[in-house]
Amino acid sequence: MKTKLLLLAALVGFGASGVLHASDEAPSNVSITFENSENYSDIRDGFTSTKKGEEANLKAIEHYVKKQAKKYLPEDQKLEITFTNIDLAGEFEPWGKAGMDDVRIVKGIYPPRIDLNFKVTEASGSIVKEGTRELRDLNFMMNLRINNDDRLRYEKTLIDDWMRKDVRPEKS
């Protein structure tokens, strides 16, 4: 009897995790391009940055944008985003204490900046909205955030604000 209950619990658990995993899949109606990312102002993971760390930051931003697009973009529309520059909040200050050169110092003088081009289209191909945006928040240190442990929290807030304004359909 215990074996049957354990087996049933395991099957239910795997089934539930499959459902949760399916909801994490990226939407197919979102296309993201990082144009000339090697020239971005700051996507570094340390003072002596690694290519792997920079790619991880870009992947995290891409994953977040695709996840958020599910909230704001109707299923019958397509979103194309080309990031042209990213400057993460904060800087790596080499003149700090020894061994602290890989700690990003976040101050109000180092705000997050994201430059992008975007296009939202209908299934028929007609353009709903398009444009070039320079996302900035000079008061980024004053905003309340749910997850203060997220290393990209300031950039994600910029993305959320932009999506609410430009991606979410206008109410009729």
Protein backbone atom coordinates (compact mmCIF):
# COMPACT_ATOMS: atom_id res chain seq x y z
CA MET A 1 0.00 0.00 0.00
CA LYS A 2 2.82 2.40 0.89
CA THR A 3 4.56 1.60 -2.38
CA LYS A 4 1.42 2.45 -4.36
CA LEU A 5 1.04 5.75 -2.49
CA LEU A 6 4.69 6.64 -3.07
CA LEU A 7 4.40 5.78 -6.75
CA LEU A 8 1.21 7.83 -7.07
CA ALA A 9 2.81 10.78 -5.27
CA ALA A 10 5.85 10.58 -7.56
CA LEU A 11 3.67 10.53 -10.69
CA VAL A 12 1.65 13.49 -9.49
CA GLY A 13 4.86 15.33 -8.65
CA PHE A 14 6.35 14.69 -12.07
CA GLY A 15 3.10 15.70 -13.74
CA ALA A 16 2.96 18.94 -11.78
CA SER A 17 6.59 19.73 -12.52
CA GLY A 18 5.92 19.14 -16.22
CA VAL A 19 3.08 21.63 -16.12
CA LEU A 20 5.24 24.18 -14.31
CA HIS A 21 8.10 23.63 -16.73
CA ALA A 22 5.82 24.08 -19.73
CA SER A 23 4.70 27.47 -18.43
CA ASP A 24 8.35 28.58 -18.20
CA GLU A 25 8.92 28.01 -21.91
CA ALA A 26 9.73 31.11 -23.91
CA PRO A 27 6.95 32.40 -26.13
CA SER A 28 7.56 31.87 -29.85
CA ASN A 29 6.15 35.32 -30.66
CA VAL A 30 9.14 37.16 -29.13
CA SER A 31 12.40 37.71 -31.00
CA ILE A 32 15.41 39.28 -29.27
CA THR A 33 18.67 40.43 -30.84
CA PHE A 34 21.70 41.86 -29.06
CA GLU A 35 23.30 44.04 -31.73
CA ASN A 36 27.09 44.45 -31.38
CA SER A 37 27.00 43.40 -27.73
CA GLU A 38 30.79 43.54 -27.59
CA ASN A 39 30.44 47.35 -27.80
CA TYR A 40 27.87 47.72 -25.00
CA SER A 41 28.72 50.24 -22.30
CA ASP A 42 28.66 47.75 -19.42
CA ILE A 43 27.43 44.17 -19.28
CA ARG A 44 30.45 43.03 -17.31
CA ASP A 45 30.41 40.49 -14.51
CA GLY A 46 33.54 41.89 -12.84
CA PHE A 47 36.28 44.45 -13.19
CA THR A 48 38.19 41.91 -15.28
CA SER A 49 35.11 40.60 -17.03
CA THR A 50 34.75 37.24 -18.71
CA LYS A 51 32.96 36.51 -21.96
CA LYS A 52 31.02 33.78 -20.17
CA GLY A 53 29.84 36.25 -17.50
CA GLU A 54 28.77 38.82 -20.08
CA GLU A 55 26.84 36.17 -22.00
CA ALA A 56 25.17 35.08 -18.76
CA ASN A 57 23.99 38.66 -18.15
CA LEU A 58 22.59 38.88 -21.69
CA LYS A 59 20.89 35.46 -21.36
CA ALA A 60 19.32 36.55 -18.06
CA ILE A 61 17.95 39.71 -19.67
CA GLU A 62 16.68 37.74 -22.68
CA HIS A 63 14.98 35.18 -20.44
CA TYR A 64 13.35 37.92 -18.37
CA VAL A 65 12.07 39.83 -21.40
CA LYS A 66 10.52 36.68 -22.86
CA LYS A 67 8.94 35.79 -19.53
CA GLN A 68 7.47 39.27 -19.09
CA ALA A 69 6.22 39.35 -22.68
CA LYS A 70 3.71 36.67 -21.71
CA LYS A 71 2.08 39.19 -19.38
CA TYR A 72 1.89 42.11 -21.78
CA LEU A 73 1.86 40.79 -25.35
CA PRO A 74 -1.32 39.27 -26.81
CA GLU A 75 -0.74 35.82 -28.28
CA ASP A 76 -1.75 36.96 -31.77
CA GLN A 77 0.97 39.63 -31.86
CA LYS A 78 4.72 39.38 -32.36
CA LEU A 79 7.40 41.41 -30.59
CA GLU A 80 10.83 42.02 -32.09
CA ILE A 81 13.45 43.72 -29.90
CA THR A 82 16.96 44.74 -30.86
CA PHE A 83 19.08 45.86 -27.93
CA THR A 84 21.63 48.41 -29.14
CA ASN A 85 23.29 49.28 -25.82
CA ILE A 86 23.12 48.20 -22.20
CA ASP A 87 24.79 49.85 -19.22
CA LEU A 88 24.09 47.94 -16.02
CA ALA A 89 23.47 49.91 -12.85
CA GLY A 90 26.61 50.50 -10.82
CA GLU A 91 30.28 50.19 -11.68
CA PHE A 92 33.29 48.15 -10.69
CA GLU A 93 35.56 50.57 -8.88
CA PRO A 94 39.19 49.43 -9.07
CA TRP A 95 40.32 51.87 -6.42
CA GLY A 96 38.29 50.15 -3.71
CA LYS A 97 39.66 47.79 -1.08
CA ALA A 98 41.88 44.92 -2.13
CA GLY A 99 39.88 41.94 -3.34
CA MET A 100 36.79 44.06 -3.95
CA ASP A 101 37.38 44.69 -7.66
CA ASP A 102 34.65 42.19 -8.62
CA VAL A 103 32.00 43.86 -6.47
CA ARG A 104 29.60 46.08 -8.41
CA ILE A 105 29.17 49.34 -6.50
CA VAL A 106 25.67 50.72 -7.03
CA LYS A 107 25.29 54.44 -6.50
CA GLY A 108 22.87 57.02 -7.85
CA ILE A 109 25.58 58.32 -10.19
CA TYR A 110 25.64 54.98 -12.05
CA PRO A 111 22.03 54.53 -13.28
CA PRO A 112 20.95 51.64 -15.51
CA ARG A 113 20.57 52.45 -19.20
CA ILE A 114 19.10 50.33 -21.96
CA ASP A 115 18.76 51.41 -25.60
CA LEU A 116 16.56 49.35 -27.91
CA ASN A 117 14.51 49.27 -31.08
CA PHE A 118 11.24 47.37 -31.10
CA LYS A 119 8.35 46.42 -33.31
CA VAL A 120 5.00 44.91 -32.36
CA THR A 121 3.12 43.34 -35.29
CA GLU A 122 -0.21 41.64 -35.80
CA ALA A 123 -0.41 38.08 -37.13
CA SER A 124 -1.20 39.61 -40.54
CA GLY A 125 2.10 41.49 -40.46
CA SER A 126 0.65 44.95 -39.93
CA ILE A 127 2.66 47.07 -37.50
CA VAL A 128 0.89 47.90 -34.23
CA LYS A 129 3.71 49.93 -32.74
CA GLU A 130 7.41 50.46 -33.34
CA GLY A 131 10.13 52.76 -32.20
CA THR A 132 13.47 53.45 -30.62
CA ARG A 133 13.68 53.83 -26.87
CA GLU A 134 16.35 55.00 -24.46
CA LEU A 135 15.31 53.56 -21.12
CA ARG A 136 16.59 55.54 -18.15
CA ASP A 137 15.67 55.89 -14.49
CA LEU A 138 17.76 58.46 -12.67
CA ASN A 139 15.77 57.74 -9.48
CA PHE A 140 16.38 53.99 -9.67
CA MET A 141 17.66 53.86 -6.09
CA MET A 142 14.32 55.20 -4.79
CA ASN A 143 12.07 52.52 -6.32
CA LEU A 144 10.69 49.71 -4.19
CA ARG A 145 11.48 46.21 -5.42
CA ILE A 146 10.21 42.82 -4.41
CA ASN A 147 13.50 41.00 -5.01
CA ASN A 148 16.43 43.06 -3.74
CA ASP A 149 18.78 40.08 -4.17
CA ASP A 150 18.48 39.99 -7.97
CA ARG A 151 21.68 41.31 -9.55
CA LEU A 152 19.71 42.69 -12.54
CA ARG A 153 16.82 44.15 -10.54
CA TYR A 154 17.32 47.70 -11.79
CA GLU A 155 17.44 46.68 -15.42
CA LYS A 156 14.40 44.45 -15.00
CA THR A 157 12.48 47.39 -13.53
CA LEU A 158 13.36 49.44 -16.63
CA ILE A 159 12.15 46.61 -18.86
CA ASP A 160 8.88 46.24 -16.91
CA ASP A 161 8.17 49.97 -17.09
CA TRP A 162 8.85 50.01 -20.83
CA MET A 163 6.68 46.94 -21.51
CA ARG A 164 3.76 48.44 -19.59
CA LYS A 165 3.98 51.57 -21.74
CA ASP A 166 4.83 50.21 -25.18
CA VAL A 167 4.06 46.51 -25.40
CA ARG A 168 0.83 46.16 -23.45
CA PRO A 169 -2.17 46.84 -25.72
CA GLU A 170 -3.87 50.17 -25.20
CA LYS A 171 -7.24 49.96 -23.51
CA SER A 172 -10.12 50.92 -25.75
